[in-house]
């Protein structure tokens, strides 16, 4: 059954500007600018104000079936993540786990590239380039912890996945060989009080 009209909206903070042009959304904030092309979703996107006069980003869907109605929430979630990214930023934490051979990490090019050595005692050097806008650093507080920061949550999480996947144990019993680099925490760079 088709729903005549469905809509969702998200409030825009005062220090953030959102532009919508041809279903391309650009969000500017104190930490930078993010943009996303959402032309694939056949939805109406526009900026308006609510009864109190606050700015809101609104997404409408006319005569939508189940899948199209689900894309309304997806679009709102993307814009919410973009607003969080340009105001607070995203921070992912990873831990180095090893039983015998200590994993050595070298962060080069000002946090744009990571070199992983001595994983399970192997001589091979694993090199991972961070995706654009993502920086990596060692944690000062915790031993064997990496901190990835950036404005775009998709790029930060994909960089985390690249590091995790390059350190998967092959041709051994993974119940016994638990070595690797694992995601240990997610959050924002600017912490809430």
N, C-alpha and C. Protein backbone atom coordinates (compact mmCIF):
# COMPACT_ATOMS: atom_id res chain seq x y z
N UNK A 1 0.84 -1.19 0.00
CA UNK A 1 0.00 0.00 0.00
C UNK A 1 0.88 1.24 0.00
N UNK A 2 0.50 2.20 -0.80
CA UNK A 2 1.27 3.44 -0.87
C UNK A 2 0.77 4.43 0.17
N UNK A 3 1.72 5.12 0.80
CA UNK A 3 1.37 6.15 1.75
C UNK A 3 1.34 7.48 1.01
N UNK A 4 0.28 8.27 1.22
CA UNK A 4 0.10 9.50 0.45
C UNK A 4 1.27 10.46 0.64
N UNK A 5 1.62 10.75 1.88
CA UNK A 5 2.80 11.58 2.13
C UNK A 5 3.40 11.21 3.48
N UNK A 6 4.71 11.06 3.49
CA UNK A 6 5.45 10.81 4.73
C UNK A 6 6.59 11.80 4.80
N UNK A 7 6.90 12.28 6.01
CA UNK A 7 8.00 13.24 6.13
C UNK A 7 8.68 13.09 7.48
N UNK A 8 9.95 13.50 7.50
CA UNK A 8 10.74 13.57 8.73
C UNK A 8 11.56 14.84 8.67
N UNK A 9 12.01 15.29 9.82
CA UNK A 9 12.79 16.52 9.86
C UNK A 9 13.84 16.45 10.94
N UNK A 10 14.89 17.26 10.76
CA UNK A 10 15.96 17.34 11.75
C UNK A 10 16.26 18.82 11.98
N UNK A 11 16.46 19.19 13.26
CA UNK A 11 16.76 20.57 13.60
C UNK A 11 18.21 20.89 13.26
N UNK A 12 18.45 22.10 12.79
CA UNK A 12 19.80 22.55 12.42
C UNK A 12 20.30 23.49 13.51
N UNK A 13 21.47 23.22 14.10
CA UNK A 13 22.00 24.12 15.13
C UNK A 13 22.34 25.49 14.55
N UNK A 14 22.52 26.47 15.45
CA UNK A 14 22.76 27.84 15.02
C UNK A 14 24.10 28.02 14.32
N UNK A 15 25.13 27.27 14.75
CA UNK A 15 26.46 27.45 14.16
C UNK A 15 26.70 26.60 12.92
N UNK A 16 25.63 26.00 12.37
CA UNK A 16 25.74 25.14 11.18
C UNK A 16 24.86 25.71 10.07
N UNK A 17 25.39 25.71 8.85
CA UNK A 17 24.58 26.10 7.69
C UNK A 17 24.45 24.88 6.78
N UNK A 18 23.23 24.65 6.31
CA UNK A 18 22.93 23.53 5.43
C UNK A 18 22.42 24.09 4.11
N UNK A 19 22.98 23.59 3.01
CA UNK A 19 22.53 23.98 1.67
C UNK A 19 22.01 22.74 0.96
N UNK A 20 20.87 22.88 0.30
CA UNK A 20 20.31 21.78 -0.48
C UNK A 20 20.07 22.30 -1.88
N UNK A 21 20.68 21.64 -2.86
CA UNK A 21 20.50 22.05 -4.25
C UNK A 21 20.49 20.79 -5.11
N UNK A 22 19.34 20.50 -5.70
CA UNK A 22 19.23 19.32 -6.54
C UNK A 22 19.53 18.03 -5.81
N UNK A 23 19.07 17.90 -4.58
CA UNK A 23 19.28 16.74 -3.71
C UNK A 23 20.76 16.50 -3.40
N UNK A 24 21.57 17.53 -3.54
CA UNK A 24 22.95 17.50 -3.05
C UNK A 24 22.99 18.34 -1.78
N UNK A 25 23.41 17.74 -0.69
CA UNK A 25 23.38 18.41 0.61
C UNK A 25 24.80 18.78 1.00
N UNK A 26 24.99 20.04 1.41
CA UNK A 26 26.28 20.51 1.90
C UNK A 26 26.08 21.10 3.29
N UNK A 27 26.90 20.66 4.24
CA UNK A 27 26.80 21.11 5.63
C UNK A 27 28.11 21.77 6.01
N UNK A 28 28.02 23.02 6.47
CA UNK A 28 29.20 23.77 6.92
C UNK A 28 29.08 24.01 8.41
N UNK A 29 30.21 23.85 9.11
CA UNK A 29 30.21 24.06 10.55
C UNK A 29 31.57 24.51 11.02
N UNK A 30 31.76 24.59 12.34
CA UNK A 30 33.03 25.07 12.88
C UNK A 30 34.23 24.18 12.55
N UNK A 31 34.01 22.87 12.33
CA UNK A 31 35.12 21.95 12.04
C UNK A 31 35.38 21.76 10.56
N UNK A 32 34.52 22.30 9.70
CA UNK A 32 34.76 22.14 8.26
C UNK A 32 33.46 21.98 7.48
N UNK A 33 33.58 21.41 6.28
CA UNK A 33 32.46 21.26 5.37
C UNK A 33 32.35 19.80 4.93
N UNK A 34 31.12 19.29 4.88
CA UNK A 34 30.84 17.96 4.36
C UNK A 34 29.74 18.06 3.32
N UNK A 35 29.83 17.26 2.28
CA UNK A 35 28.78 17.26 1.26
C UNK A 35 28.45 15.83 0.88
N UNK A 36 27.21 15.63 0.46
CA UNK A 36 26.75 14.29 0.09
C UNK A 36 25.75 14.41 -1.04
N UNK A 37 25.88 13.53 -2.02
CA UNK A 37 24.98 13.50 -3.17
C UNK A 37 23.90 12.46 -2.89
N UNK A 38 22.64 12.90 -2.82
CA UNK A 38 21.54 11.99 -2.51
C UNK A 38 20.52 11.96 -3.64
N UNK A 39 21.01 12.10 -4.88
CA UNK A 39 20.09 12.10 -6.02
C UNK A 39 19.47 10.74 -6.26
N UNK A 40 20.13 9.67 -5.77
CA UNK A 40 19.59 8.32 -5.98
C UNK A 40 18.28 8.11 -5.21
N UNK A 41 18.09 8.84 -4.11
CA UNK A 41 16.86 8.71 -3.33
C UNK A 41 15.82 9.67 -3.91
N UNK A 42 14.74 9.15 -4.40
CA UNK A 42 13.71 9.99 -5.01
C UNK A 42 12.84 10.67 -3.97
N UNK A 43 13.44 11.58 -3.23
CA UNK A 43 12.75 12.25 -2.13
C UNK A 43 12.83 13.76 -2.33
N UNK A 44 11.90 14.48 -1.70
CA UNK A 44 11.96 15.95 -1.68
C UNK A 44 12.70 16.39 -0.44
N UNK A 45 13.75 17.20 -0.64
CA UNK A 45 14.54 17.71 0.48
C UNK A 45 14.54 19.23 0.40
N UNK A 46 14.27 19.86 1.54
CA UNK A 46 14.26 21.31 1.55
C UNK A 46 14.48 21.84 2.96
N UNK A 47 14.84 23.11 3.04
CA UNK A 47 15.05 23.79 4.31
C UNK A 47 13.83 24.63 4.61
N UNK A 48 13.43 24.65 5.88
CA UNK A 48 12.28 25.46 6.30
C UNK A 48 12.45 25.81 7.77
N UNK A 49 11.44 26.45 8.34
CA UNK A 49 11.47 26.77 9.76
C UNK A 49 10.24 26.17 10.44
N UNK A 50 10.39 25.86 11.72
CA UNK A 50 9.25 25.32 12.46
C UNK A 50 8.47 26.47 13.12
N UNK A 51 7.53 26.13 14.01
CA UNK A 51 6.66 27.14 14.63
C UNK A 51 7.45 28.12 15.49
N UNK A 52 8.54 27.64 16.12
CA UNK A 52 9.34 28.52 16.98
C UNK A 52 10.32 29.38 16.19
N UNK A 53 10.42 29.15 14.90
CA UNK A 53 11.34 29.93 14.07
C UNK A 53 12.71 29.32 13.91
N UNK A 54 12.91 28.10 14.39
CA UNK A 54 14.20 27.43 14.25
C UNK A 54 14.32 26.80 12.87
N UNK A 55 15.56 26.74 12.36
CA UNK A 55 15.79 26.14 11.04
C UNK A 55 15.70 24.63 11.13
N UNK A 56 15.04 24.02 10.13
CA UNK A 56 14.96 22.56 10.07
C UNK A 56 15.21 22.10 8.64
N UNK A 57 15.73 20.88 8.53
CA UNK A 57 15.92 20.19 7.25
C UNK A 57 14.83 19.15 7.16
N UNK A 58 14.03 19.21 6.10
CA UNK A 58 12.85 18.35 6.00
C UNK A 58 12.95 17.47 4.75
N UNK A 59 12.52 16.21 4.91
CA UNK A 59 12.50 15.25 3.81
C UNK A 59 11.08 14.74 3.65
N UNK A 60 10.55 14.85 2.43
CA UNK A 60 9.19 14.40 2.12
C UNK A 60 9.23 13.27 1.10
N UNK A 61 8.27 12.37 1.20
CA UNK A 61 8.10 11.31 0.21
C UNK A 61 6.61 11.22 -0.13
N UNK A 62 6.31 11.30 -1.40
CA UNK A 62 4.92 11.23 -1.85
C UNK A 62 4.67 9.88 -2.52
N UNK A 63 3.58 9.25 -2.17
CA UNK A 63 3.16 7.97 -2.76
C UNK A 63 4.27 6.93 -2.68
N UNK A 64 4.82 6.76 -1.48
CA UNK A 64 5.96 5.85 -1.32
C UNK A 64 5.55 4.49 -0.80
N UNK A 65 6.24 3.47 -1.30
CA UNK A 65 6.09 2.12 -0.76
C UNK A 65 7.13 1.90 0.34
N UNK A 66 7.21 0.67 0.83
CA UNK A 66 8.00 0.36 2.01
C UNK A 66 9.48 0.78 1.88
N UNK A 67 10.11 0.45 0.76
CA UNK A 67 11.54 0.74 0.61
C UNK A 67 11.79 2.24 0.50
N UNK A 68 10.93 2.94 -0.19
CA UNK A 68 11.10 4.38 -0.34
C UNK A 68 10.85 5.09 0.98
N UNK A 69 9.91 4.60 1.77
CA UNK A 69 9.66 5.19 3.08
C UNK A 69 10.84 4.96 4.02
N UNK A 70 11.52 3.82 3.87
CA UNK A 70 12.69 3.55 4.70
C UNK A 70 13.84 4.50 4.37
N UNK A 71 13.91 4.96 3.12
CA UNK A 71 15.00 5.85 2.73
C UNK A 71 14.86 7.25 3.33
N UNK A 72 13.67 7.59 3.83
CA UNK A 72 13.49 8.89 4.50
C UNK A 72 14.36 8.94 5.75
N UNK A 73 14.25 7.92 6.60
CA UNK A 73 15.02 7.88 7.84
C UNK A 73 16.52 7.80 7.55
N UNK A 74 16.89 7.04 6.49
CA UNK A 74 18.30 6.93 6.11
C UNK A 74 18.86 8.30 5.75
N UNK A 75 18.12 9.07 4.97
CA UNK A 75 18.58 10.40 4.56
C UNK A 75 18.72 11.32 5.77
N UNK A 76 17.75 11.28 6.68
CA UNK A 76 17.81 12.09 7.89
C UNK A 76 19.02 11.69 8.74
N UNK A 77 19.30 10.38 8.83
CA UNK A 77 20.45 9.90 9.60
C UNK A 77 21.77 10.40 8.99
N UNK A 78 21.85 10.39 7.66
CA UNK A 78 23.06 10.90 6.99
C UNK A 78 23.28 12.36 7.33
N UNK A 79 22.23 13.16 7.25
CA UNK A 79 22.36 14.60 7.52
C UNK A 79 22.69 14.83 9.00
N UNK A 80 22.09 14.05 9.90
CA UNK A 80 22.40 14.17 11.33
C UNK A 80 23.88 13.86 11.58
N UNK A 81 24.40 12.81 10.93
CA UNK A 81 25.81 12.46 11.08
C UNK A 81 26.71 13.56 10.51
N UNK A 82 26.29 14.19 9.43
CA UNK A 82 27.08 15.29 8.86
C UNK A 82 27.11 16.48 9.81
N UNK A 83 25.96 16.79 10.42
CA UNK A 83 25.90 17.90 11.38
C UNK A 83 26.77 17.60 12.59
N UNK A 84 26.72 16.36 13.10
CA UNK A 84 27.57 15.97 14.22
C UNK A 84 29.04 16.06 13.83
N UNK A 85 29.37 15.68 12.61
CA UNK A 85 30.75 15.69 12.15
C UNK A 85 31.34 17.09 12.09
N UNK A 86 30.57 18.05 11.59
CA UNK A 86 31.12 19.42 11.45
C UNK A 86 31.05 20.20 12.75
N UNK A 87 30.32 19.70 13.76
CA UNK A 87 30.29 20.39 15.05
C UNK A 87 31.19 19.71 16.08
N UNK A 88 31.11 18.38 16.21
CA UNK A 88 31.86 17.66 17.24
C UNK A 88 32.98 16.80 16.68
N UNK A 89 32.84 16.27 15.47
CA UNK A 89 33.82 15.35 14.92
C UNK A 89 33.63 13.95 15.48
N UNK A 90 34.22 12.96 14.79
CA UNK A 90 34.09 11.57 15.21
C UNK A 90 35.45 11.02 15.61
N UNK A 91 35.44 10.17 16.64
CA UNK A 91 36.66 9.58 17.17
C UNK A 91 36.43 8.09 17.40
N UNK A 92 37.26 7.26 16.77
CA UNK A 92 37.20 5.81 16.96
C UNK A 92 38.50 5.37 17.62
N UNK A 93 38.39 4.45 18.59
CA UNK A 93 39.57 3.94 19.29
C UNK A 93 39.76 2.47 18.95
N UNK A 94 41.04 2.09 18.74
CA UNK A 94 41.39 0.71 18.42
C UNK A 94 42.47 0.24 19.39
N UNK A 95 42.43 -1.06 19.73
CA UNK A 95 43.43 -1.64 20.63
C UNK A 95 44.24 -2.70 19.88
N UNK A 96 45.55 -2.72 20.16
CA UNK A 96 46.44 -3.74 19.63
C UNK A 96 46.42 -4.93 20.58
N UNK A 97 46.08 -6.11 20.07
CA UNK A 97 45.98 -7.31 20.89
C UNK A 97 47.01 -8.32 20.38
N UNK A 98 47.87 -8.80 21.27
CA UNK A 98 48.85 -9.81 20.88
C UNK A 98 49.18 -10.67 22.08
N UNK A 99 49.52 -11.95 21.81
CA UNK A 99 49.84 -12.89 22.87
C UNK A 99 51.34 -13.01 23.06
N UNK A 100 52.11 -13.06 21.96
CA UNK A 100 53.55 -13.28 22.08
C UNK A 100 54.34 -12.21 21.35
N UNK A 101 54.14 -12.09 20.04
CA UNK A 101 54.91 -11.13 19.26
C UNK A 101 54.27 -9.75 19.37
N UNK A 102 54.98 -8.76 19.94
CA UNK A 102 54.38 -7.42 20.06
C UNK A 102 54.25 -6.74 18.70
N UNK A 103 53.08 -6.21 18.44
CA UNK A 103 52.81 -5.52 17.17
C UNK A 103 53.43 -4.13 17.25
N UNK A 104 54.23 -3.77 16.24
CA UNK A 104 54.85 -2.45 16.18
C UNK A 104 54.09 -1.58 15.20
N UNK A 105 53.79 -0.35 15.61
CA UNK A 105 53.04 0.59 14.77
C UNK A 105 53.90 1.82 14.53
N UNK A 106 54.02 2.21 13.28
CA UNK A 106 54.65 3.48 12.92
C UNK A 106 53.61 4.34 12.23
N UNK A 107 53.42 5.54 12.74
CA UNK A 107 52.49 6.50 12.12
C UNK A 107 53.34 7.51 11.36
N UNK A 108 53.16 7.56 10.04
CA UNK A 108 53.98 8.43 9.20
C UNK A 108 53.09 9.42 8.44
N UNK A 109 53.73 10.42 7.85
CA UNK A 109 53.05 11.45 7.05
C UNK A 109 51.98 12.18 7.87
N UNK A 110 52.33 12.55 9.10
CA UNK A 110 51.44 13.32 9.98
C UNK A 110 50.09 12.65 10.20
N UNK A 111 50.11 11.36 10.41
CA UNK A 111 48.88 10.63 10.70
C UNK A 111 48.08 10.24 9.48
N UNK A 112 48.69 10.28 8.29
CA UNK A 112 47.96 9.91 7.07
C UNK A 112 48.24 8.48 6.65
N UNK A 113 49.26 7.85 7.23
CA UNK A 113 49.63 6.49 6.84
C UNK A 113 50.09 5.73 8.07
N UNK A 114 49.81 4.41 8.10
CA UNK A 114 50.18 3.56 9.22
C UNK A 114 50.98 2.38 8.67
N UNK A 115 52.09 2.06 9.36
CA UNK A 115 52.87 0.87 9.03
C UNK A 115 52.80 -0.09 10.21
N UNK A 116 52.40 -1.33 9.93
CA UNK A 116 52.26 -2.35 10.97
C UNK A 116 53.34 -3.39 10.74
N UNK A 117 54.17 -3.61 11.78
CA UNK A 117 55.28 -4.56 11.69
C UNK A 117 55.14 -5.62 12.79
N UNK A 118 55.78 -6.77 12.55
CA UNK A 118 55.92 -7.85 13.53
C UNK A 118 54.56 -8.45 13.93
N UNK A 119 53.57 -8.41 13.05
CA UNK A 119 52.28 -9.04 13.34
C UNK A 119 52.46 -10.54 13.25
N UNK A 120 52.25 -11.27 14.35
CA UNK A 120 52.48 -12.72 14.48
C UNK A 120 53.92 -13.09 14.11
N UNK A 121 54.86 -12.15 14.28
CA UNK A 121 56.26 -12.42 13.98
C UNK A 121 56.61 -12.39 12.51
N UNK A 122 55.67 -11.96 11.66
CA UNK A 122 55.92 -11.94 10.22
C UNK A 122 56.84 -10.78 9.86
N UNK A 123 57.61 -10.97 8.79
CA UNK A 123 58.52 -9.92 8.32
C UNK A 123 57.80 -8.88 7.46
N UNK A 124 56.63 -9.25 6.96
CA UNK A 124 55.90 -8.37 6.05
C UNK A 124 55.48 -7.08 6.76
N UNK A 125 55.67 -5.94 6.06
CA UNK A 125 55.23 -4.65 6.59
C UNK A 125 53.89 -4.33 5.95
N UNK A 126 52.86 -4.15 6.78
CA UNK A 126 51.53 -3.81 6.28
C UNK A 126 51.39 -2.29 6.31
N UNK A 127 51.03 -1.71 5.17
CA UNK A 127 50.91 -0.26 5.06
C UNK A 127 49.47 0.08 4.73
N UNK A 128 48.87 0.97 5.51
CA UNK A 128 47.49 1.41 5.29
C UNK A 128 47.48 2.92 5.17
N UNK A 129 46.92 3.43 4.07
CA UNK A 129 46.72 4.86 3.94
C UNK A 129 45.35 5.21 4.49
N UNK A 130 45.31 6.23 5.32
CA UNK A 130 44.03 6.69 5.84
C UNK A 130 43.24 7.36 4.72
N UNK A 131 41.93 7.23 4.78
CA UNK A 131 41.08 7.88 3.78
C UNK A 131 41.14 9.39 3.98
N UNK A 132 40.83 10.19 2.95
CA UNK A 132 40.98 11.65 3.08
C UNK A 132 40.17 12.23 4.24
N UNK A 133 40.81 13.10 5.02
CA UNK A 133 40.14 13.73 6.14
C UNK A 133 40.24 12.96 7.44
N UNK A 134 40.92 11.80 7.44
CA UNK A 134 41.05 10.99 8.64
C UNK A 134 42.51 11.02 9.10
N UNK A 135 42.72 11.26 10.39
CA UNK A 135 44.06 11.23 10.95
C UNK A 135 44.11 10.19 12.06
N UNK A 136 45.29 9.60 12.23
CA UNK A 136 45.47 8.57 13.24
C UNK A 136 46.60 9.00 14.17
N UNK A 137 46.46 8.67 15.45
CA UNK A 137 47.48 9.02 16.44
C UNK A 137 47.49 7.95 17.53
N UNK A 138 48.60 7.88 18.24
CA UNK A 138 48.68 6.99 19.41
C UNK A 138 47.99 7.66 20.59
N UNK A 139 47.45 6.84 21.47
CA UNK A 139 46.83 7.36 22.68
C UNK A 139 47.92 7.60 23.72
N UNK A 140 47.86 8.76 24.39
CA UNK A 140 48.81 9.08 25.45
C UNK A 140 48.44 8.38 26.76
N UNK A 141 47.15 8.14 26.97
CA UNK A 141 46.68 7.60 28.24
C UNK A 141 46.81 6.08 28.32
N UNK A 142 46.55 5.39 27.20
CA UNK A 142 46.47 3.92 27.23
C UNK A 142 47.55 3.34 26.33
N UNK A 143 48.22 2.29 26.82
CA UNK A 143 49.23 1.62 26.01
C UNK A 143 48.55 0.80 24.91
N UNK A 144 49.21 0.74 23.75
CA UNK A 144 48.72 -0.05 22.60
C UNK A 144 47.31 0.36 22.18
N UNK A 145 47.06 1.67 22.11
CA UNK A 145 45.76 2.15 21.64
C UNK A 145 45.98 3.17 20.53
N UNK A 146 45.16 3.09 19.49
CA UNK A 146 45.18 4.04 18.37
C UNK A 146 43.90 4.84 18.39
N UNK A 147 43.99 6.12 18.01
CA UNK A 147 42.81 6.98 17.96
C UNK A 147 42.70 7.54 16.55
N UNK A 148 41.57 7.27 15.89
CA UNK A 148 41.29 7.80 14.56
C UNK A 148 40.26 8.90 14.68
N UNK A 149 40.54 10.06 14.10
CA UNK A 149 39.62 11.19 14.17
C UNK A 149 39.35 11.73 12.77
N UNK A 150 38.15 12.30 12.63
CA UNK A 150 37.76 12.92 11.37
C UNK A 150 36.36 13.47 11.47
N UNK A 151 35.93 14.16 10.41
CA UNK A 151 34.60 14.76 10.40
C UNK A 151 33.56 13.84 9.78
N UNK A 152 33.95 13.02 8.82
CA UNK A 152 33.00 12.15 8.11
C UNK A 152 33.01 10.78 8.77
N UNK A 153 31.88 10.38 9.34
CA UNK A 153 31.80 9.11 10.09
C UNK A 153 32.04 7.93 9.17
N UNK A 154 31.66 8.02 7.91
CA UNK A 154 31.86 6.90 6.99
C UNK A 154 33.34 6.70 6.70
N UNK A 155 34.08 7.78 6.49
CA UNK A 155 35.51 7.66 6.21
C UNK A 155 36.29 7.19 7.43
N UNK A 156 35.91 7.66 8.62
CA UNK A 156 36.59 7.23 9.84
C UNK A 156 36.36 5.74 10.08
N UNK A 157 35.12 5.28 9.93
CA UNK A 157 34.81 3.87 10.18
C UNK A 157 35.42 2.98 9.10
N UNK A 158 35.48 3.46 7.86
CA UNK A 158 36.11 2.67 6.81
C UNK A 158 37.62 2.55 7.02
N UNK A 159 38.26 3.61 7.51
CA UNK A 159 39.69 3.54 7.83
C UNK A 159 39.94 2.54 8.95
N UNK A 160 39.04 2.54 9.94
CA UNK A 160 39.13 1.57 11.03
C UNK A 160 39.02 0.15 10.49
N UNK A 161 38.11 -0.07 9.56
CA UNK A 161 37.92 -1.40 8.98
C UNK A 161 39.15 -1.83 8.17
N UNK A 162 39.77 -0.89 7.46
CA UNK A 162 40.97 -1.24 6.68
C UNK A 162 42.09 -1.73 7.60
N UNK A 163 42.26 -1.07 8.74
CA UNK A 163 43.29 -1.49 9.69
C UNK A 163 42.95 -2.86 10.28
N UNK A 164 41.70 -3.06 10.64
CA UNK A 164 41.28 -4.34 11.23
C UNK A 164 41.44 -5.48 10.23
N UNK A 165 41.04 -5.26 8.98
CA UNK A 165 41.02 -6.34 7.99
C UNK A 165 42.42 -6.74 7.52
N UNK A 166 43.38 -5.79 7.57
CA UNK A 166 44.73 -6.15 7.12
C UNK A 166 45.44 -7.00 8.17
N UNK A 167 44.91 -7.01 9.40
CA UNK A 167 45.52 -7.79 10.48
C UNK A 167 44.68 -9.01 10.85
N UNK A 168 44.00 -9.59 9.88
CA UNK A 168 43.26 -10.82 10.15
C UNK A 168 44.21 -12.01 10.07
N UNK A 169 44.02 -12.99 10.95
CA UNK A 169 44.89 -14.17 10.99
C UNK A 169 44.43 -15.14 9.91
N UNK A 170 45.38 -15.57 9.06
CA UNK A 170 45.07 -16.49 7.96
C UNK A 170 45.74 -17.84 8.22
N UNK A 171 45.07 -18.90 7.80
CA UNK A 171 45.61 -20.26 7.83
C UNK A 171 46.02 -20.72 9.23
N UNK A 172 45.36 -20.20 10.24
CA UNK A 172 45.59 -20.64 11.60
C UNK A 172 44.23 -20.70 12.31
N UNK A 173 44.20 -21.36 13.43
CA UNK A 173 42.97 -21.48 14.20
C UNK A 173 42.68 -20.14 14.89
N UNK A 174 41.62 -19.46 14.46
CA UNK A 174 41.34 -18.12 14.99
C UNK A 174 40.81 -18.17 16.43
N UNK A 175 40.48 -19.37 16.92
CA UNK A 175 40.10 -19.48 18.33
C UNK A 175 41.33 -19.40 19.23
N UNK A 176 42.46 -19.82 18.69
CA UNK A 176 43.71 -19.80 19.45
C UNK A 176 44.49 -18.50 19.19
N UNK A 177 44.60 -18.11 17.91
CA UNK A 177 45.36 -16.93 17.53
C UNK A 177 44.41 -15.72 17.50
N UNK A 178 44.36 -15.01 18.61
CA UNK A 178 43.43 -13.87 18.74
C UNK A 178 44.13 -12.54 18.47
N UNK A 179 45.35 -12.59 17.94
CA UNK A 179 46.09 -11.35 17.68
C UNK A 179 45.37 -10.52 16.63
N UNK A 180 45.53 -9.20 16.74
CA UNK A 180 44.93 -8.31 15.76
C UNK A 180 44.79 -6.91 16.32
N UNK A 181 44.16 -6.06 15.53
CA UNK A 181 43.86 -4.70 15.97
C UNK A 181 42.35 -4.55 15.90
N UNK A 182 41.73 -4.32 17.06
CA UNK A 182 40.28 -4.36 17.17
C UNK A 182 39.72 -3.00 17.59
N UNK A 183 38.52 -2.72 17.12
CA UNK A 183 37.80 -1.51 17.52
C UNK A 183 37.39 -1.64 18.99
N UNK A 184 37.70 -0.62 19.78
CA UNK A 184 37.38 -0.69 21.21
C UNK A 184 36.41 0.38 21.67
N UNK A 185 36.23 1.45 20.89
CA UNK A 185 35.29 2.48 21.33
C UNK A 185 35.00 3.50 20.23
N UNK A 186 33.82 4.08 20.32
CA UNK A 186 33.40 5.12 19.38
C UNK A 186 32.93 6.33 20.17
N UNK A 187 33.07 7.50 19.59
CA UNK A 187 32.59 8.70 20.26
C UNK A 187 32.84 9.93 19.39
N UNK A 188 32.78 11.09 20.04
CA UNK A 188 33.03 12.34 19.34
C UNK A 188 34.31 12.97 19.88
N UNK A 189 34.94 13.81 19.04
CA UNK A 189 36.17 14.46 19.45
C UNK A 189 35.88 15.46 20.56
N UNK A 190 34.82 16.27 20.36
CA UNK A 190 34.39 17.24 21.38
C UNK A 190 33.43 16.50 22.31
N UNK A 191 33.82 16.32 23.52
CA UNK A 191 33.01 15.56 24.49
C UNK A 191 31.89 16.43 25.06
N UNK A 192 30.74 15.80 25.29
CA UNK A 192 29.63 16.50 25.93
C UNK A 192 29.89 16.65 27.42
N UNK A 193 29.48 17.79 27.98
CA UNK A 193 29.67 18.03 29.43
C UNK A 193 28.69 17.20 30.22
